[in-house]
Amino acid sequence: TYISKALSTVGYTLFSVLVIICGVLAGWVYYYRKTRLLKVSQPFFLNMVIGGCLCSAFAIVPLGSQTEYRYVKDYLMGKMTCQQNPHIMGVDVACMAVPWFYGVGF
């Protein structure tokens, strides 16, 4: 593996904390939506900002996906084969999802 288990755990923990914070803030906006301060601050806009932060945070999840090589390595001979790694498609999708999640959330 290229990403250590500790670093992956830290990333997923921070992602979980961010999701919880976004949920708490969305609940806070919903609870106080009738107050004068939140009416002036436009609760719909505040919820859009919270949703954008949440969408940007989802860019952390695909960063944790990894595999070995694009092609299967023959460990007996020490050379690459022509057979494509079955997990590479998921890693390619994850690689493309990161800028989309972050860009849409920003």
PDB file of N, CA and C in Angstrom:
ATOM      1  N   THR A   1       0.832  -1.184   0.000  1.00  0.00           N
ATOM      2  CA  THR A   1       0.000   0.000   0.000  1.00  0.00           C
ATOM      3  C   THR A   1       0.875   1.245   0.000  1.00  0.00           C
ATOM      4  N   TYR A   2       0.358   2.283  -0.611  1.00  0.00           N
ATOM      5  CA  TYR A   2       1.117   3.520  -0.722  1.00  0.00           C
ATOM      6  C   TYR A   2       0.756   4.498   0.391  1.00  0.00           C
ATOM      7  N   ILE A   3      -0.479   4.490   0.814  1.00  0.00           N
ATOM      8  CA  ILE A   3      -0.923   5.356   1.896  1.00  0.00           C
ATOM      9  C   ILE A   3      -0.943   4.524   3.162  1.00  0.00           C
ATOM     10  N   SER A   4      -0.291   5.003   4.201  1.00  0.00           N
ATOM     11  CA  SER A   4      -0.230   4.218   5.439  1.00  0.00           C
ATOM     12  C   SER A   4      -1.617   4.149   6.083  1.00  0.00           C
ATOM     13  N   LYS A   5      -1.811   3.120   6.863  1.00  0.00           N
ATOM     14  CA  LYS A   5      -3.090   2.918   7.549  1.00  0.00           C
ATOM     15  C   LYS A   5      -3.375   4.061   8.513  1.00  0.00           C
ATOM     16  N   ALA A   6      -2.341   4.572   9.165  1.00  0.00           N
ATOM     17  CA  ALA A   6      -2.516   5.676  10.110  1.00  0.00           C
ATOM     18  C   ALA A   6      -2.986   6.943   9.402  1.00  0.00           C
ATOM     19  N   LEU A   7      -2.375   7.251   8.270  1.00  0.00           N
ATOM     20  CA  LEU A   7      -2.766   8.440   7.517  1.00  0.00           C
ATOM     21  C   LEU A   7      -4.177   8.302   6.966  1.00  0.00           C
ATOM     22  N   SER A   8      -4.521   7.120   6.513  1.00  0.00           N
ATOM     23  CA  SER A   8      -5.872   6.871   6.027  1.00  0.00           C
ATOM     24  C   SER A   8      -6.893   7.029   7.148  1.00  0.00           C
ATOM     25  N   THR A   9      -6.562   6.536   8.321  1.00  0.00           N
ATOM     26  CA  THR A   9      -7.462   6.662   9.473  1.00  0.00           C
ATOM     27  C   THR A   9      -7.646   8.117   9.877  1.00  0.00           C
ATOM     28  N   VAL A  10      -6.572   8.885   9.854  1.00  0.00           N
ATOM     29  CA  VAL A  10      -6.663  10.316  10.175  1.00  0.00           C
ATOM     30  C   VAL A  10      -7.565  11.025   9.169  1.00  0.00           C
ATOM     31  N   GLY A  11      -7.405  10.726   7.895  1.00  0.00           N
ATOM     32  CA  GLY A  11      -8.229  11.351   6.864  1.00  0.00           C
ATOM     33  C   GLY A  11      -9.701  11.032   7.024  1.00  0.00           C
ATOM     34  N   TYR A  12     -10.019   9.762   7.254  1.00  0.00           N
ATOM     35  CA  TYR A  12     -11.414   9.380   7.426  1.00  0.00           C
ATOM     36  C   TYR A  12     -11.998   9.925   8.729  1.00  0.00           C
ATOM     37  N   THR A  13     -11.181  10.044   9.760  1.00  0.00           N
ATOM     38  CA  THR A  13     -11.654  10.621  11.021  1.00  0.00           C
ATOM     39  C   THR A  13     -11.972  12.100  10.850  1.00  0.00           C
ATOM     40  N   LEU A  14     -11.088  12.827  10.191  1.00  0.00           N
ATOM     41  CA  LEU A  14     -11.352  14.246   9.943  1.00  0.00           C
ATOM     42  C   LEU A  14     -12.560  14.448   9.033  1.00  0.00           C
ATOM     43  N   PHE A  15     -12.734  13.552   8.061  1.00  0.00           N
ATOM     44  CA  PHE A  15     -13.918  13.608   7.212  1.00  0.00           C
ATOM     45  C   PHE A  15     -15.176  13.408   8.053  1.00  0.00           C
ATOM     46  N   SER A  16     -15.151  12.442   8.963  1.00  0.00           N
ATOM     47  CA  SER A  16     -16.312  12.181   9.822  1.00  0.00           C
ATOM     48  C   SER A  16     -16.615  13.378  10.722  1.00  0.00           C
ATOM     49  N   VAL A  17     -15.569  13.994  11.250  1.00  0.00           N
ATOM     50  CA  VAL A  17     -15.765  15.181  12.090  1.00  0.00           C
ATOM     51  C   VAL A  17     -16.396  16.301  11.270  1.00  0.00           C
ATOM     52  N   LEU A  18     -15.941  16.491  10.055  1.00  0.00           N
ATOM     53  CA  LEU A  18     -16.493  17.538   9.203  1.00  0.00           C
ATOM     54  C   LEU A  18     -17.949  17.271   8.844  1.00  0.00           C
ATOM     55  N   VAL A  19     -18.303  16.022   8.592  1.00  0.00           N
ATOM     56  CA  VAL A  19     -19.698  15.680   8.292  1.00  0.00           C
ATOM     57  C   VAL A  19     -20.572  15.955   9.513  1.00  0.00           C
ATOM     58  N   ILE A  20     -20.088  15.613  10.699  1.00  0.00           N
ATOM     59  CA  ILE A  20     -20.853  15.871  11.919  1.00  0.00           C
ATOM     60  C   ILE A  20     -21.024  17.372  12.139  1.00  0.00           C
ATOM     61  N   ILE A  21     -19.959  18.137  11.930  1.00  0.00           N
ATOM     62  CA  ILE A  21     -20.043  19.594  12.104  1.00  0.00           C
ATOM     63  C   ILE A  21     -21.032  20.197  11.114  1.00  0.00           C
ATOM     64  N   CYS A  22     -20.997  19.742   9.872  1.00  0.00           N
ATOM     65  CA  CYS A  22     -21.949  20.248   8.877  1.00  0.00           C
ATOM     66  C   CYS A  22     -23.381  19.904   9.265  1.00  0.00           C
ATOM     67  N   GLY A  23     -23.588  18.697   9.787  1.00  0.00           N
ATOM     68  CA  GLY A  23     -24.924  18.315  10.239  1.00  0.00           C
ATOM     69  C   GLY A  23     -25.405  19.162  11.403  1.00  0.00           C
ATOM     70  N   VAL A  24     -24.519  19.420  12.354  1.00  0.00           N
ATOM     71  CA  VAL A  24     -24.874  20.250  13.501  1.00  0.00           C
ATOM     72  C   VAL A  24     -25.183  21.677  13.050  1.00  0.00           C
ATOM     73  N   LEU A  25     -24.377  22.206  12.149  1.00  0.00           N
ATOM     74  CA  LEU A  25     -24.622  23.568  11.676  1.00  0.00           C
ATOM     75  C   LEU A  25     -25.911  23.664  10.867  1.00  0.00           C
ATOM     76  N   ALA A  26     -26.214  22.656  10.074  1.00  0.00           N
ATOM     77  CA  ALA A  26     -27.474  22.655   9.323  1.00  0.00           C
ATOM     78  C   ALA A  26     -28.660  22.590  10.286  1.00  0.00           C
ATOM     79  N   GLY A  27     -28.537  21.791  11.331  1.00  0.00           N
ATOM     80  CA  GLY A  27     -29.593  21.753  12.342  1.00  0.00           C
ATOM     81  C   GLY A  27     -29.736  23.072  13.077  1.00  0.00           C
ATOM     82  N   TRP A  28     -28.599  23.719  13.364  1.00  0.00           N
ATOM     83  CA  TRP A  28     -28.627  25.019  14.026  1.00  0.00           C
ATOM     84  C   TRP A  28     -29.320  26.067  13.159  1.00  0.00           C
ATOM     85  N   VAL A  29     -29.005  26.063  11.869  1.00  0.00           N
ATOM     86  CA  VAL A  29     -29.652  27.007  10.945  1.00  0.00           C
ATOM     87  C   VAL A  29     -31.151  26.730  10.879  1.00  0.00           C
ATOM     88  N   TYR A  30     -31.526  25.460  10.826  1.00  0.00           N
ATOM     89  CA  TYR A  30     -32.945  25.115  10.770  1.00  0.00           C
ATOM     90  C   TYR A  30     -33.662  25.531  12.052  1.00  0.00           C
ATOM     91  N   TYR A  31     -33.038  25.319  13.207  1.00  0.00           N
ATOM     92  CA  TYR A  31     -33.663  25.629  14.487  1.00  0.00           C
ATOM     93  C   TYR A  31     -33.855  27.143  14.665  1.00  0.00           C
ATOM     94  N   TYR A  32     -32.870  27.932  14.258  1.00  0.00           N
ATOM     95  CA  TYR A  32     -32.925  29.380  14.449  1.00  0.00           C
ATOM     96  C   TYR A  32     -33.322  30.135  13.184  1.00  0.00           C
ATOM     97  N   ARG A  33     -33.948  29.482  12.235  1.00  0.00           N
ATOM     98  CA  ARG A  33     -34.274  30.135  10.966  1.00  0.00           C
ATOM     99  C   ARG A  33     -35.274  31.279  11.102  1.00  0.00           C
ATOM    100  N   LYS A  34     -36.062  31.304  12.147  1.00  0.00           N
ATOM    101  CA  LYS A  34     -37.072  32.362  12.338  1.00  0.00           C
ATOM    102  C   LYS A  34     -36.510  33.586  13.052  1.00  0.00           C
ATOM    103  N   THR A  35     -35.305  33.509  13.583  1.00  0.00           N
ATOM    104  CA  THR A  35     -34.745  34.658  14.300  1.00  0.00           C
ATOM    105  C   THR A  35     -34.338  35.745  13.317  1.00  0.00           C
ATOM    106  N   ARG A  36     -34.226  36.926  13.833  1.00  0.00           N
ATOM    107  CA  ARG A  36     -33.924  38.086  12.993  1.00  0.00           C
ATOM    108  C   ARG A  36     -32.533  37.973  12.352  1.00  0.00           C
ATOM    109  N   LEU A  37     -31.561  37.504  13.138  1.00  0.00           N
ATOM    110  CA  LEU A  37     -30.192  37.403  12.637  1.00  0.00           C
ATOM    111  C   LEU A  37     -30.097  36.436  11.460  1.00  0.00           C
ATOM    112  N   LEU A  38     -30.769  35.283  11.565  1.00  0.00           N
ATOM    113  CA  LEU A  38     -30.691  34.316  10.474  1.00  0.00           C
ATOM    114  C   LEU A  38     -31.545  34.720   9.274  1.00  0.00           C
ATOM    115  N   LYS A  39     -32.627  35.447   9.513  1.00  0.00           N
ATOM    116  CA  LYS A  39     -33.414  35.944   8.379  1.00  0.00           C
ATOM    117  C   LYS A  39     -32.583  36.910   7.549  1.00  0.00           C
ATOM    118  N   VAL A  40     -31.786  37.738   8.224  1.00  0.00           N
ATOM    119  CA  VAL A  40     -30.916  38.682   7.524  1.00  0.00           C
ATOM    120  C   VAL A  40     -29.789  37.931   6.822  1.00  0.00           C
ATOM    121  N   SER A  41     -29.313  36.851   7.430  1.00  0.00           N
ATOM    122  CA  SER A  41     -28.207  36.074   6.863  1.00  0.00           C
ATOM    123  C   SER A  41     -28.660  35.105   5.771  1.00  0.00           C
ATOM    124  N   GLN A  42     -29.943  35.027   5.526  1.00  0.00           N
ATOM    125  CA  GLN A  42     -30.524  34.168   4.494  1.00  0.00           C
ATOM    126  C   GLN A  42     -30.210  32.688   4.736  1.00  0.00           C
ATOM    127  N   PRO A  43     -31.099  31.999   5.442  1.00  0.00           N
ATOM    128  CA  PRO A  43     -30.863  30.595   5.776  1.00  0.00           C
ATOM    129  C   PRO A  43     -30.616  29.710   4.554  1.00  0.00           C
ATOM    130  N   PHE A  44     -31.261  30.019   3.441  1.00  0.00           N
ATOM    131  CA  PHE A  44     -31.037  29.218   2.232  1.00  0.00           C
ATOM    132  C   PHE A  44     -29.582  29.327   1.782  1.00  0.00           C
ATOM    133  N   PHE A  45     -29.028  30.531   1.822  1.00  0.00           N
ATOM    134  CA  PHE A  45     -27.638  30.736   1.443  1.00  0.00           C
ATOM    135  C   PHE A  45     -26.701  30.025   2.426  1.00  0.00           C
ATOM    136  N   LEU A  46     -26.995  30.098   3.715  1.00  0.00           N
ATOM    137  CA  LEU A  46     -26.163  29.418   4.709  1.00  0.00           C
ATOM    138  C   LEU A  46     -26.174  27.909   4.494  1.00  0.00           C
ATOM    139  N   ASN A  47     -27.337  27.364   4.158  1.00  0.00           N
ATOM    140  CA  ASN A  47     -27.420  25.932   3.875  1.00  0.00           C
ATOM    141  C   ASN A  47     -26.660  25.571   2.600  1.00  0.00           C
ATOM    142  N   MET A  48     -26.639  26.476   1.632  1.00  0.00           N
ATOM    143  CA  MET A  48     -25.849  26.224   0.423  1.00  0.00           C
ATOM    144  C   MET A  48     -24.356  26.198   0.739  1.00  0.00           C
ATOM    145  N   VAL A  49     -23.907  27.077   1.620  1.00  0.00           N
ATOM    146  CA  VAL A  49     -22.501  27.087   2.028  1.00  0.00           C
ATOM    147  C   VAL A  49     -22.158  25.796   2.768  1.00  0.00           C
ATOM    148  N   ILE A  50     -23.049  25.363   3.658  1.00  0.00           N
ATOM    149  CA  ILE A  50     -22.827  24.106   4.389  1.00  0.00           C
ATOM    150  C   ILE A  50     -22.786  22.938   3.412  1.00  0.00           C
ATOM    151  N   GLY A  51     -23.690  22.927   2.429  1.00  0.00           N
ATOM    152  CA  GLY A  51     -23.687  21.864   1.421  1.00  0.00           C
ATOM    153  C   GLY A  51     -22.413  21.865   0.588  1.00  0.00           C
ATOM    154  N   GLY A  52     -21.905  23.050   0.267  1.00  0.00           N
ATOM    155  CA  GLY A  52     -20.647  23.144  -0.471  1.00  0.00           C
ATOM    156  C   GLY A  52     -19.471  22.627   0.336  1.00  0.00           C
ATOM    157  N   CYS A  53     -19.454  22.939   1.624  1.00  0.00           N
ATOM    158  CA  CYS A  53     -18.386  22.407   2.490  1.00  0.00           C
ATOM    159  C   CYS A  53     -18.468  20.890   2.567  1.00  0.00           C
ATOM    160  N   LEU A  54     -19.674  20.375   2.646  1.00  0.00           N
ATOM    161  CA  LEU A  54     -19.861  18.925   2.709  1.00  0.00           C
ATOM    162  C   LEU A  54     -19.428  18.262   1.406  1.00  0.00           C
ATOM    163  N   CYS A  55     -19.767  18.879   0.295  1.00  0.00           N
ATOM    164  CA  CYS A  55     -19.369  18.328  -1.005  1.00  0.00           C
ATOM    165  C   CYS A  55     -17.847  18.352  -1.168  1.00  0.00           C
ATOM    166  N   SER A  56     -17.218  19.435  -0.731  1.00  0.00           N
ATOM    167  CA  SER A  56     -15.756  19.494  -0.789  1.00  0.00           C
ATOM    168  C   SER A  56     -15.126  18.457   0.131  1.00  0.00           C
ATOM    169  N   ALA A  57     -15.770  18.199   1.255  1.00  0.00           N
ATOM    170  CA  ALA A  57     -15.243  17.203   2.188  1.00  0.00           C
ATOM    171  C   ALA A  57     -15.317  15.803   1.589  1.00  0.00           C
ATOM    172  N   PHE A  58     -16.306  15.553   0.741  1.00  0.00           N
ATOM    173  CA  PHE A  58     -16.418  14.237   0.117  1.00  0.00           C
ATOM    174  C   PHE A  58     -15.259  13.943  -0.827  1.00  0.00           C
ATOM    175  N   ALA A  59     -14.451  14.934  -1.152  1.00  0.00           N
ATOM    176  CA  ALA A  59     -13.261  14.696  -1.967  1.00  0.00           C
ATOM    177  C   ALA A  59     -12.216  13.900  -1.200  1.00  0.00           C
ATOM    178  N   ILE A  60     -12.333  13.855   0.125  1.00  0.00           N
ATOM    179  CA  ILE A  60     -11.378  13.096   0.938  1.00  0.00           C
ATOM    180  C   ILE A  60     -11.571  11.595   0.750  1.00  0.00           C
ATOM    181  N   VAL A  61     -12.809  11.166   0.573  1.00  0.00           N
ATOM    182  CA  VAL A  61     -13.111   9.729   0.514  1.00  0.00           C
ATOM    183  C   VAL A  61     -12.415   9.027  -0.660  1.00  0.00           C
ATOM    184  N   PRO A  62     -12.531   9.534  -1.897  1.00  0.00           N
ATOM    185  CA  PRO A  62     -11.847   8.824  -2.980  1.00  0.00           C
ATOM    186  C   PRO A  62     -10.324   8.915  -2.924  1.00  0.00           C
ATOM    187  N   LEU A  63      -9.793   9.850  -2.152  1.00  0.00           N
ATOM    188  CA  LEU A  63      -8.345   9.934  -2.027  1.00  0.00           C
ATOM    189  C   LEU A  63      -7.763   8.708  -1.324  1.00  0.00           C
ATOM    190  N   GLY A  64      -8.587   8.001  -0.585  1.00  0.00           N
ATOM    191  CA  GLY A  64      -8.116   6.832   0.141  1.00  0.00           C
ATOM    192  C   GLY A  64      -8.081   5.559  -0.677  1.00  0.00           C
ATOM    193  N   SER A  65      -8.623   5.578  -1.893  1.00  0.00           N
ATOM    194  CA  SER A  65      -8.605   4.356  -2.700  1.00  0.00           C
ATOM    195  C   SER A  65      -7.258   4.212  -3.393  1.00  0.00           C
ATOM    196  N   GLN A  66      -6.750   3.002  -3.397  1.00  0.00           N
ATOM    197  CA  GLN A  66      -5.435   2.742  -3.973  1.00  0.00           C
ATOM    198  C   GLN A  66      -5.350   1.292  -4.427  1.00  0.00           C
ATOM    199  N   THR A  67      -4.455   1.044  -5.304  1.00  0.00           N
ATOM    200  CA  THR A  67      -4.161  -0.305  -5.767  1.00  0.00           C
ATOM    201  C   THR A  67      -2.678  -0.366  -6.111  1.00  0.00           C
ATOM    202  N   GLU A  68      -2.243  -1.467  -6.642  1.00  0.00           N
ATOM    203  CA  GLU A  68      -0.821  -1.582  -6.944  1.00  0.00           C
ATOM    204  C   GLU A  68      -0.521  -0.990  -8.319  1.00  0.00           C
ATOM    205  N   TYR A  69      -0.332  -1.814  -9.312  1.00  0.00           N
ATOM    206  CA  TYR A  69       0.048  -1.340 -10.637  1.00  0.00           C
ATOM    207  C   TYR A  69      -1.131  -1.435 -11.591  1.00  0.00           C
ATOM    208  N   ARG A  70      -1.018  -0.747 -12.724  1.00  0.00           N
ATOM    209  CA  ARG A  70      -2.073  -0.802 -13.727  1.00  0.00           C
ATOM    210  C   ARG A  70      -2.211  -2.215 -14.287  1.00  0.00           C
ATOM    211  N   TYR A  71      -1.109  -2.901 -14.424  1.00  0.00           N
ATOM    212  CA  TYR A  71      -1.128  -4.279 -14.913  1.00  0.00           C
ATOM    213  C   TYR A  71      -0.672  -5.212 -13.797  1.00  0.00           C
ATOM    214  N   VAL A  72      -1.166  -6.430 -13.854  1.00  0.00           N
ATOM    215  CA  VAL A  72      -0.836  -7.411 -12.824  1.00  0.00           C
ATOM    216  C   VAL A  72       0.645  -7.757 -12.915  1.00  0.00           C
ATOM    217  N   LYS A  73       1.283  -7.798 -11.775  1.00  0.00           N
ATOM    218  CA  LYS A  73       2.705  -8.118 -11.726  1.00  0.00           C
ATOM    219  C   LYS A  73       2.874  -9.596 -11.389  1.00  0.00           C
ATOM    220  N   ASP A  74       3.699 -10.257 -12.163  1.00  0.00           N
ATOM    221  CA  ASP A  74       4.031 -11.652 -11.897  1.00  0.00           C
ATOM    222  C   ASP A  74       5.164 -11.655 -10.883  1.00  0.00           C
ATOM    223  N   TYR A  75       4.845 -11.986  -9.643  1.00  0.00           N
ATOM    224  CA  TYR A  75       5.838 -11.914  -8.584  1.00  0.00           C
ATOM    225  C   TYR A  75       6.876 -13.034  -8.683  1.00  0.00           C
ATOM    226  N   LEU A  76       6.519 -14.103  -9.369  1.00  0.00           N
ATOM    227  CA  LEU A  76       7.466 -15.198  -9.538  1.00  0.00           C
ATOM    228  C   LEU A  76       8.607 -14.786 -10.477  1.00  0.00           C
ATOM    229  N   MET A  77       8.239 -14.134 -11.591  1.00  0.00           N
ATOM    230  CA  MET A  77       9.230 -13.692 -12.574  1.00  0.00           C
ATOM    231  C   MET A  77       9.714 -12.265 -12.313  1.00  0.00           C
ATOM    232  N   GLY A  78       8.899 -11.500 -11.562  1.00  0.00           N
ATOM    233  CA  GLY A  78       9.274 -10.115 -11.270  1.00  0.00           C
ATOM    234  C   GLY A  78       8.991  -9.157 -12.403  1.00  0.00           C
ATOM    235  N   LYS A  79       8.122  -9.532 -13.346  1.00  0.00           N
ATOM    236  CA  LYS A  79       7.815  -8.676 -14.493  1.00  0.00           C
ATOM    237  C   LYS A  79       6.317  -8.421 -14.569  1.00  0.00           C
ATOM    238  N   MET A  80       5.978  -7.379 -15.299  1.00  0.00           N
ATOM    239  CA  MET A  80       4.572  -7.047 -15.522  1.00  0.00           C
ATOM    240  C   MET A  80       3.997  -7.955 -16.611  1.00  0.00           C
ATOM    241  N   THR A  81       2.725  -8.298 -16.453  1.00  0.00           N
ATOM    242  CA  THR A  81       2.034  -9.083 -17.471  1.00  0.00           C
ATOM    243  C   THR A  81       1.175  -8.148 -18.317  1.00  0.00           C
ATOM    244  N   CYS A  82       0.523  -8.671 -19.305  1.00  0.00           N
ATOM    245  CA  CYS A  82      -0.376  -7.872 -20.151  1.00  0.00           C
ATOM    246  C   CYS A  82      -1.791  -7.821 -19.576  1.00  0.00           C
ATOM    247  N   GLN A  83      -2.033  -8.546 -18.496  1.00  0.00           N
ATOM    248  CA  GLN A  83      -3.354  -8.602 -17.880  1.00  0.00           C
ATOM    249  C   GLN A  83      -3.571  -7.358 -17.026  1.00  0.00           C
ATOM    250  N   GLN A  84      -4.709  -6.677 -17.267  1.00  0.00           N
ATOM    251  CA  GLN A  84      -4.992  -5.445 -16.529  1.00  0.00           C
ATOM    252  C   GLN A  84      -5.464  -5.768 -15.113  1.00  0.00           C
ATOM    253  N   ASN A  85      -5.044  -4.949 -14.160  1.00  0.00           N
ATOM    254  CA  ASN A  85      -5.433  -5.102 -12.767  1.00  0.00           C
ATOM    255  C   ASN A  85      -6.944  -4.893 -12.649  1.00  0.00           C
ATOM    256  N   PRO A  86      -7.690  -5.803 -12.010  1.00  0.00           N
ATOM    257  CA  PRO A  86      -9.146  -5.652 -11.928  1.00  0.00           C
ATOM    258  C   PRO A  86      -9.585  -4.467 -11.058  1.00  0.00           C
ATOM    259  N   HIS A  87      -8.737  -3.960 -10.205  1.00  0.00           N
ATOM    260  CA  HIS A  87      -9.104  -2.864  -9.315  1.00  0.00           C
ATOM    261  C   HIS A  87      -8.765  -1.495  -9.890  1.00  0.00           C
ATOM    262  N   ILE A  88      -8.149  -1.452 -11.047  1.00  0.00           N
ATOM    263  CA  ILE A  88      -7.671  -0.169 -11.575  1.00  0.00           C
ATOM    264  C   ILE A  88      -8.821   0.739 -12.015  1.00  0.00           C
ATOM    265  N   MET A  89      -9.928   0.162 -12.433  1.00  0.00           N
ATOM    266  CA  MET A  89     -11.068   0.990 -12.863  1.00  0.00           C
ATOM    267  C   MET A  89     -11.609   1.808 -11.684  1.00  0.00           C
ATOM    268  N   GLY A  90     -11.697   1.202 -10.509  1.00  0.00           N
ATOM    269  CA  GLY A  90     -12.164   1.935  -9.331  1.00  0.00           C
ATOM    270  C   GLY A  90     -11.230   3.053  -8.934  1.00  0.00           C
ATOM    271  N   VAL A  91      -9.943   2.821  -9.082  1.00  0.00           N
ATOM    272  CA  VAL A  91      -8.961   3.855  -8.748  1.00  0.00           C
ATOM    273  C   VAL A  91      -9.023   4.990  -9.769  1.00  0.00           C
ATOM    274  N   ASP A  92      -9.243   4.652 -11.038  1.00  0.00           N
ATOM    275  CA  ASP A  92      -9.384   5.690 -12.063  1.00  0.00           C
ATOM    276  C   ASP A  92     -10.617   6.567 -11.802  1.00  0.00           C
ATOM    277  N   VAL A  93     -11.717   5.932 -11.426  1.00  0.00           N
ATOM    278  CA  VAL A  93     -12.939   6.680 -11.119  1.00  0.00           C
ATOM    279  C   VAL A  93     -12.715   7.573  -9.893  1.00  0.00           C
ATOM    280  N   ALA A  94     -12.054   7.040  -8.888  1.00  0.00           N
ATOM    281  CA  ALA A  94     -11.769   7.829  -7.692  1.00  0.00           C
ATOM    282  C   ALA A  94     -10.864   9.015  -8.016  1.00  0.00           C
ATOM    283  N   CYS A  95      -9.917   8.797  -8.895  1.00  0.00           N
ATOM    284  CA  CYS A  95      -9.000   9.867  -9.286  1.00  0.00           C
ATOM    285  C   CYS A  95      -9.750  11.002  -9.984  1.00  0.00           C
ATOM    286  N   MET A  96     -10.747  10.655 -10.779  1.00  0.00           N
ATOM    287  CA  MET A  96     -11.534  11.681 -11.473  1.00  0.00           C
ATOM    288  C   MET A  96     -12.566  12.329 -10.550  1.00  0.00           C
ATOM    289  N   ALA A  97     -12.978  11.620  -9.500  1.00  0.00           N
ATOM    290  CA  ALA A  97     -14.006  12.148  -8.604  1.00  0.00           C
ATOM    291  C   ALA A  97     -13.473  13.241  -7.679  1.00  0.00           C
ATOM    292  N   VAL A  98     -12.203  13.175  -7.348  1.00  0.00           N
ATOM    293  CA  VAL A  98     -11.637  14.147  -6.396  1.00  0.00           C
ATOM    294  C   VAL A  98     -11.781  15.582  -6.893  1.00  0.00           C
ATOM    295  N   PRO A  99     -11.326  15.930  -8.103  1.00  0.00           N
ATOM    296  CA  PRO A  99     -11.489  17.328  -8.518  1.00  0.00           C
ATOM    297  C   PRO A  99     -12.947  17.720  -8.720  1.00  0.00           C
ATOM    298  N   TRP A 100     -13.796  16.779  -9.094  1.00  0.00           N
ATOM    299  CA  TRP A 100     -15.212  17.104  -9.269  1.00  0.00           C
ATOM    300  C   TRP A 100     -15.860  17.419  -7.930  1.00  0.00           C
ATOM    301  N   PHE A 101     -15.643  16.585  -6.927  1.00  0.00           N
ATOM    302  CA  PHE A 101     -16.212  16.865  -5.611  1.00  0.00           C
ATOM    303  C   PHE A 101     -15.704  18.196  -5.072  1.00  0.00           C
ATOM    304  N   TYR A 102     -14.407  18.392  -5.158  1.00  0.00           N
ATOM    305  CA  TYR A 102     -13.837  19.606  -4.602  1.00  0.00           C
ATOM    306  C   TYR A 102     -14.292  20.841  -5.397  1.00  0.00           C
ATOM    307  N   GLY A 103     -14.300  20.719  -6.714  1.00  0.00           N
ATOM    308  CA  GLY A 103     -14.685  21.851  -7.552  1.00  0.00           C
ATOM    309  C   GLY A 103     -16.144  22.228  -7.402  1.00  0.00           C
ATOM    310  N   VAL A 104     -17.024  21.256  -7.341  1.00  0.00           N
ATOM    311  CA  VAL A 104     -18.449  21.538  -7.180  1.00  0.00           C
ATOM    312  C   VAL A 104     -18.712  22.121  -5.796  1.00  0.00           C
ATOM    313  N   GLY A 105     -18.022  21.609  -4.798  1.00  0.00           N
ATOM    314  CA  GLY A 105     -18.213  22.127  -3.447  1.00  0.00           C
ATOM    315  C   GLY A 105     -17.659  23.517  -3.257  1.00  0.00           C
ATOM    316  N   PHE A 106     -16.618  23.856  -4.001  1.00  0.00           N
ATOM    317  CA  PHE A 106     -16.017  25.174  -3.857  1.00  0.00           C
ATOM    318  C   PHE A 106     -16.913  26.217  -4.476  1.00  0.00           C
TER     319      PHE A 106
END
